[in-house]
C-alpha atoms as a PDB file:
ATOM      1  CA  UNK A   1     128.722  66.980 138.322  1.00  0.00           C
ATOM      2  CA  UNK A   2     125.509  65.178 137.374  1.00  0.00           C
ATOM      3  CA  UNK A   3     124.295  61.736 138.429  1.00  0.00           C
ATOM      4  CA  UNK A   4     121.481  59.250 137.816  1.00  0.00           C
ATOM      5  CA  UNK A   5     119.120  61.176 140.125  1.00  0.00           C
ATOM      6  CA  UNK A   6     119.594  64.275 137.964  1.00  0.00           C
ATOM      7  CA  UNK A   7     118.780  62.260 134.821  1.00  0.00           C
ATOM      8  CA  UNK A   8     115.635  60.907 136.476  1.00  0.00           C
ATOM      9  CA  UNK A   9     114.503  64.344 137.698  1.00  0.00           C
ATOM     10  CA  UNK A  10     115.096  66.001 134.314  1.00  0.00           C
ATOM     11  CA  UNK A  11     113.534  63.230 132.226  1.00  0.00           C
ATOM     12  CA  UNK A  12     110.416  63.003 134.381  1.00  0.00           C
ATOM     13  CA  UNK A  13     109.963  66.791 134.168  1.00  0.00           C
ATOM     14  CA  UNK A  14     109.336  66.440 130.414  1.00  0.00           C
ATOM     15  CA  UNK A  15     105.812  65.790 129.085  1.00  0.00           C
ATOM     16  CA  UNK A  16     104.523  62.255 128.475  1.00  0.00           C
ATOM     17  CA  UNK A  17     107.707  60.525 129.654  1.00  0.00           C
ATOM     18  CA  UNK A  18     107.459  57.013 130.976  1.00  0.00           C
ATOM     19  CA  UNK A  19     110.105  55.338 133.088  1.00  0.00           C
ATOM     20  CA  UNK A  20     110.666  51.687 132.253  1.00  0.00           C
ATOM     21  CA  UNK A  21     111.399  49.380 135.171  1.00  0.00           C
ATOM     22  CA  UNK A  22     115.100  48.514 135.032  1.00  0.00           C
ATOM     23  CA  UNK A  23     118.162  48.093 137.233  1.00  0.00           C
ATOM     24  CA  UNK A  24     119.226  51.633 136.322  1.00  0.00           C
ATOM     25  CA  UNK A  25     117.152  54.249 134.514  1.00  0.00           C
ATOM     26  CA  UNK A  26     115.313  54.025 131.195  1.00  0.00           C
ATOM     27  CA  UNK A  27     113.082  56.799 129.840  1.00  0.00           C
ATOM     28  CA  UNK A  28     110.838  56.829 126.786  1.00  0.00           C
ATOM     29  CA  UNK A  29     108.461  59.188 125.061  1.00  0.00           C
ATOM     30  CA  UNK A  30     105.917  57.913 122.556  1.00  0.00           C
ATOM     31  CA  UNK A  31     107.335  54.411 123.079  1.00  0.00           C
ATOM     32  CA  UNK A  32     110.830  55.501 121.961  1.00  0.00           C
ATOM     33  CA  UNK A  33     113.848  55.541 124.247  1.00  0.00           C
ATOM     34  CA  UNK A  34     115.761  58.800 124.576  1.00  0.00           C
ATOM     35  CA  UNK A  35     118.025  58.253 127.606  1.00  0.00           C
ATOM     36  CA  UNK A  36     118.891  55.130 129.605  1.00  0.00           C
ATOM     37  CA  UNK A  37     121.677  53.713 131.759  1.00  0.00           C
ATOM     38  CA  UNK A  38     124.550  51.998 129.989  1.00  0.00           C
ATOM     39  CA  UNK A  39     124.393  48.179 129.963  1.00  0.00           C
ATOM     40  CA  UNK A  40     128.135  47.486 129.872  1.00  0.00           C
ATOM     41  CA  UNK A  41     129.058  44.153 128.337  1.00  0.00           C
ATOM     42  CA  UNK A  42     132.407  42.506 128.868  1.00  0.00           C
ATOM     43  CA  UNK A  43     133.344  39.213 127.187  1.00  0.00           C
ATOM     44  CA  UNK A  44     132.709  36.226 129.435  1.00  0.00           C
ATOM     45  CA  UNK A  45     131.080  38.309 132.173  1.00  0.00           C
ATOM     46  CA  UNK A  46     127.465  39.189 132.954  1.00  0.00           C
ATOM     47  CA  UNK A  47     126.137  42.541 131.819  1.00  0.00           C
ATOM     48  CA  UNK A  48     126.618  45.396 134.321  1.00  0.00           C
ATOM     49  CA  UNK A  49     124.178  48.318 134.414  1.00  0.00           C
ATOM     50  CA  UNK A  50     126.228  51.517 134.778  1.00  0.00           C
ATOM     51  CA  UNK A  51     124.185  54.378 136.233  1.00  0.00           C
ATOM     52  CA  UNK A  52     127.190  56.713 136.035  1.00  0.00           C
ATOM     53  CA  UNK A  53     126.987  56.535 132.228  1.00  0.00           C
ATOM     54  CA  UNK A  54     123.923  57.467 130.170  1.00  0.00           C
ATOM     55  CA  UNK A  55     123.099  56.283 126.661  1.00  0.00           C
ATOM     56  CA  UNK A  56     121.723  59.327 124.873  1.00  0.00           C
ATOM     57  CA  UNK A  57     119.859  59.588 121.555  1.00  0.00           C
ATOM     58  CA  UNK A  58     121.502  62.254 119.358  1.00  0.00           C
ATOM     59  CA  UNK A  59     119.570  62.100 116.079  1.00  0.00           C
ATOM     60  CA  UNK A  60     122.157  61.285 113.437  1.00  0.00           C
ATOM     61  CA  UNK A  61     125.678  60.080 112.778  1.00  0.00           C
ATOM     62  CA  UNK A  62     127.026  63.576 112.066  1.00  0.00           C
ATOM     63  CA  UNK A  63     125.912  64.842 115.478  1.00  0.00           C
ATOM     64  CA  UNK A  64     127.314  61.722 117.116  1.00  0.00           C
ATOM     65  CA  UNK A  65     130.706  62.214 115.494  1.00  0.00           C
ATOM     66  CA  UNK A  66     130.772  65.918 116.343  1.00  0.00           C
ATOM     67  CA  UNK A  67     130.146  65.155 120.028  1.00  0.00           C
ATOM     68  CA  UNK A  68     132.672  62.308 120.119  1.00  0.00           C
ATOM     69  CA  UNK A  69     135.403  64.368 118.469  1.00  0.00           C
ATOM     70  CA  UNK A  70     134.571  67.633 120.218  1.00  0.00           C
ATOM     71  CA  UNK A  71     134.420  66.367 123.786  1.00  0.00           C
ATOM     72  CA  UNK A  72     136.077  62.949 124.100  1.00  0.00           C
ATOM     73  CA  UNK A  73     136.276  63.292 127.887  1.00  0.00           C
ATOM     74  CA  UNK A  74     132.491  63.634 128.086  1.00  0.00           C
ATOM     75  CA  UNK A  75     131.170  61.461 125.236  1.00  0.00           C
ATOM     76  CA  UNK A  76     132.304  58.069 123.966  1.00  0.00           C
ATOM     77  CA  UNK A  77     130.903  55.053 122.175  1.00  0.00           C
ATOM     78  CA  UNK A  78     131.210  51.271 122.272  1.00  0.00           C
ATOM     79  CA  UNK A  79     131.218  48.676 119.468  1.00  0.00           C
ATOM     80  CA  UNK A  80     127.562  47.745 120.033  1.00  0.00           C
ATOM     81  CA  UNK A  81     126.550  51.338 119.236  1.00  0.00           C
ATOM     82  CA  UNK A  82     128.269  51.582 115.840  1.00  0.00           C
ATOM     83  CA  UNK A  83     125.825  52.783 113.208  1.00  0.00           C
ATOM     84  CA  UNK A  84     123.281  53.966 115.786  1.00  0.00           C
ATOM     85  CA  UNK A  85     122.619  57.641 116.600  1.00  0.00           C
ATOM     86  CA  UNK A  86     123.559  57.083 120.250  1.00  0.00           C
ATOM     87  CA  UNK A  87     126.419  58.336 122.399  1.00  0.00           C
ATOM     88  CA  UNK A  88     127.551  57.346 125.851  1.00  0.00           C
ATOM     89  CA  UNK A  89     127.731  60.244 128.303  1.00  0.00           C
ATOM     90  CA  UNK A  90     129.930  60.313 131.412  1.00  0.00           C
ATOM     91  CA  UNK A  91     127.503  61.945 133.840  1.00  0.00           C
ATOM     92  CA  UNK A  92     130.229  63.098 136.237  1.00  0.00           C
ATOM     93  CA  UNK A  93     131.700  65.260 133.456  1.00  0.00           C
ATOM     94  CA  UNK A  94     128.640  67.497 132.930  1.00  0.00           C
ATOM     95  CA  UNK A  95     126.763  69.905 135.166  1.00  0.00           C
ATOM     96  CA  UNK A  96     122.992  69.887 135.654  1.00  0.00           C
ATOM     97  CA  UNK A  97     122.440  72.656 133.094  1.00  0.00           C
ATOM     98  CA  UNK A  98     124.288  70.846 130.319  1.00  0.00           C
ATOM     99  CA  UNK A  99     122.582  67.573 131.227  1.00  0.00           C
ATOM    100  CA  UNK A 100     119.193  69.291 131.035  1.00  0.00           C
ATOM    101  CA  UNK A 101     120.004  70.513 127.548  1.00  0.00           C
ATOM    102  CA  UNK A 102     121.175  67.086 126.363  1.00  0.00           C
ATOM    103  CA  UNK A 103     118.198  65.218 127.848  1.00  0.00           C
ATOM    104  CA  UNK A 104     115.725  67.780 126.495  1.00  0.00           C
ATOM    105  CA  UNK A 105     117.280  67.646 123.012  1.00  0.00           C
ATOM    106  CA  UNK A 106     117.111  63.829 123.036  1.00  0.00           C
ATOM    107  CA  UNK A 107     113.467  63.977 124.170  1.00  0.00           C
ATOM    108  CA  UNK A 108     112.633  66.511 121.428  1.00  0.00           C
ATOM    109  CA  UNK A 109     114.056  64.246 118.713  1.00  0.00           C
ATOM    110  CA  UNK A 110     112.124  61.191 119.934  1.00  0.00           C
ATOM    111  CA  UNK A 111     108.814  62.791 120.928  1.00  0.00           C
ATOM    112  CA  UNK A 112     105.893  62.745 118.495  1.00  0.00           C
ATOM    113  CA  UNK A 113     105.976  65.887 116.329  1.00  0.00           C
ATOM    114  CA  UNK A 114     102.809  67.381 117.829  1.00  0.00           C
ATOM    115  CA  UNK A 115     104.108  66.936 121.374  1.00  0.00           C
ATOM    116  CA  UNK A 116     107.530  68.432 120.613  1.00  0.00           C
ATOM    117  CA  UNK A 117     105.956  71.370 118.751  1.00  0.00           C
ATOM    118  CA  UNK A 118     103.634  72.098 121.663  1.00  0.00           C
ATOM    119  CA  UNK A 119     106.554  71.904 124.082  1.00  0.00           C
ATOM    120  CA  UNK A 120     108.617  74.338 121.999  1.00  0.00           C
ATOM    121  CA  UNK A 121     105.716  76.776 121.584  1.00  0.00           C
ATOM    122  CA  UNK A 122     105.072  76.824 125.318  1.00  0.00           C
ATOM    123  CA  UNK A 123     108.756  77.508 125.964  1.00  0.00           C
ATOM    124  CA  UNK A 124     108.828  74.697 128.498  1.00  0.00           C
ATOM    125  CA  UNK A 125     112.125  73.679 130.025  1.00  0.00           C
ATOM    126  CA  UNK A 126     112.889  71.028 132.606  1.00  0.00           C
ATOM    127  CA  UNK A 127     113.968  72.283 136.021  1.00  0.00           C
ATOM    128  CA  UNK A 128     117.464  73.808 136.130  1.00  0.00           C
ATOM    129  CA  UNK A 129     117.943  74.043 132.367  1.00  0.00           C
ATOM    130  CA  UNK A 130     117.390  77.787 132.286  1.00  0.00           C
ATOM    131  CA  UNK A 131     119.684  78.432 135.251  1.00  0.00           C
ATOM    132  CA  UNK A 132     122.860  77.190 133.627  1.00  0.00           C
ATOM    133  CA  UNK A 133     122.104  77.131 129.934  1.00  0.00           C
ATOM    134  CA  UNK A 134     125.003  76.066 127.748  1.00  0.00           C
ATOM    135  CA  UNK A 135     124.980  76.546 123.985  1.00  0.00           C
ATOM    136  CA  UNK A 136     123.340  73.790 121.959  1.00  0.00           C
ATOM    137  CA  UNK A 137     125.243  70.528 122.088  1.00  0.00           C
ATOM    138  CA  UNK A 138     125.891  70.571 118.351  1.00  0.00           C
ATOM    139  CA  UNK A 139     127.263  74.120 118.392  1.00  0.00           C
ATOM    140  CA  UNK A 140     129.297  73.623 121.553  1.00  0.00           C
ATOM    141  CA  UNK A 141     130.881  70.383 120.454  1.00  0.00           C
ATOM    142  CA  UNK A 142     131.713  71.573 116.950  1.00  0.00           C
ATOM    143  CA  UNK A 143     133.240  74.854 118.055  1.00  0.00           C
ATOM    144  CA  UNK A 144     135.243  73.072 120.752  1.00  0.00           C
ATOM    145  CA  UNK A 145     137.267  71.042 118.266  1.00  0.00           C
ATOM    146  CA  UNK A 146     140.948  71.973 118.402  1.00  0.00           C
ATOM    147  CA  UNK A 147     141.347  72.412 114.647  1.00  0.00           C
ATOM    148  CA  UNK A 148     138.697  75.103 114.360  1.00  0.00           C
ATOM    149  CA  UNK A 149     135.407  74.924 112.448  1.00  0.00           C
ATOM    150  CA  UNK A 150     134.067  71.613 111.300  1.00  0.00           C
ATOM    151  CA  UNK A 151     132.856  70.542 107.895  1.00  0.00           C
ATOM    152  CA  UNK A 152     130.374  67.686 108.013  1.00  0.00           C
ATOM    153  CA  UNK A 153     129.129  65.634 105.090  1.00  0.00           C
ATOM    154  CA  UNK A 154     126.920  62.568 105.105  1.00  0.00           C
ATOM    155  CA  UNK A 155     123.881  61.765 107.149  1.00  0.00           C
ATOM    156  CA  UNK A 156     121.027  59.323 107.562  1.00  0.00           C
ATOM    157  CA  UNK A 157     118.647  58.450 104.773  1.00  0.00           C
ATOM    158  CA  UNK A 158     115.920  55.932 105.429  1.00  0.00           C
ATOM    159  CA  UNK A 159     117.374  52.961 107.249  1.00  0.00           C
ATOM    160  CA  UNK A 160     120.883  53.402 105.896  1.00  0.00           C
ATOM    161  CA  UNK A 161     123.636  55.698 107.091  1.00  0.00           C
ATOM    162  CA  UNK A 162     126.039  57.435 104.819  1.00  0.00           C
ATOM    163  CA  UNK A 163     129.369  57.890 106.534  1.00  0.00           C
ATOM    164  CA  UNK A 164     129.939  61.265 108.121  1.00  0.00           C
ATOM    165  CA  UNK A 165     133.210  62.928 107.239  1.00  0.00           C
ATOM    166  CA  UNK A 166     134.386  65.523 109.693  1.00  0.00           C
ATOM    167  CA  UNK A 167     137.243  67.817 108.761  1.00  0.00           C
ATOM    168  CA  UNK A 168     138.379  69.667 111.875  1.00  0.00           C
ATOM    169  CA  UNK A 169     141.440  71.137 110.163  1.00  0.00           C
ATOM    170  CA  UNK A 170     139.524  73.410 107.820  1.00  0.00           C
ATOM    171  CA  UNK A 171     139.825  77.101 108.657  1.00  0.00           C
ATOM    172  CA  UNK A 172     136.391  77.960 107.322  1.00  0.00           C
ATOM    173  CA  UNK A 173     133.313  75.822 107.129  1.00  0.00           C
ATOM    174  CA  UNK A 174     130.115  76.656 105.293  1.00  0.00           C
ATOM    175  CA  UNK A 175     126.821  75.931 107.057  1.00  0.00           C
ATOM    176  CA  UNK A 176     125.879  72.301 106.679  1.00  0.00           C
ATOM    177  CA  UNK A 177     122.394  71.022 106.040  1.00  0.00           C
ATOM    178  CA  UNK A 178     121.857  67.312 106.626  1.00  0.00           C
ATOM    179  CA  UNK A 179     118.637  65.475 105.858  1.00  0.00           C
ATOM    180  CA  UNK A 180     116.634  64.791 109.011  1.00  0.00           C
ATOM    181  CA  UNK A 181     116.712  61.359 110.515  1.00  0.00           C
ATOM    182  CA  UNK A 182     113.579  59.661 109.236  1.00  0.00           C
ATOM    183  CA  UNK A 183     114.229  56.219 110.674  1.00  0.00           C
ATOM    184  CA  UNK A 184     113.734  55.976 114.416  1.00  0.00           C
ATOM    185  CA  UNK A 185     114.393  52.490 115.821  1.00  0.00           C
END
């Protein structure tokens, strides 16, 4: 069971991370956010910063949909996040090892290329990620779908998203290659 202190510890263990002053937590690398606390908005009420829920950068719509469909008790989304490569993560539903993997993956996708490459070459890992290492989030979420393998089509191109179609009923799925996300808000 992870919490906001775990997010803070893991994020700050990564190179060149800055914490933005906020009511919850907000971490950036190279000026780009990769994990922050969820600013819940309810109609007619002031915004509430939820430190039990993290907003996590996932790279593209296909990965987002795979996580949402594969582990709906862990990941969810809200209307304000439609079309963005972001998922909401219930921190209480993951252990420190899984959180380390998710935070590190988000950092890797947002960090400048040279920084991420140097981090990967050095084999660096934030504290506790090696102790309880789960499979990659994409692999774990896709293989966890009840219908079996997943076929994904679509992806991000430039500033526009093509819809991702996920077929969890297929019995076999060829490897999928999506174009990398080139637009990083």
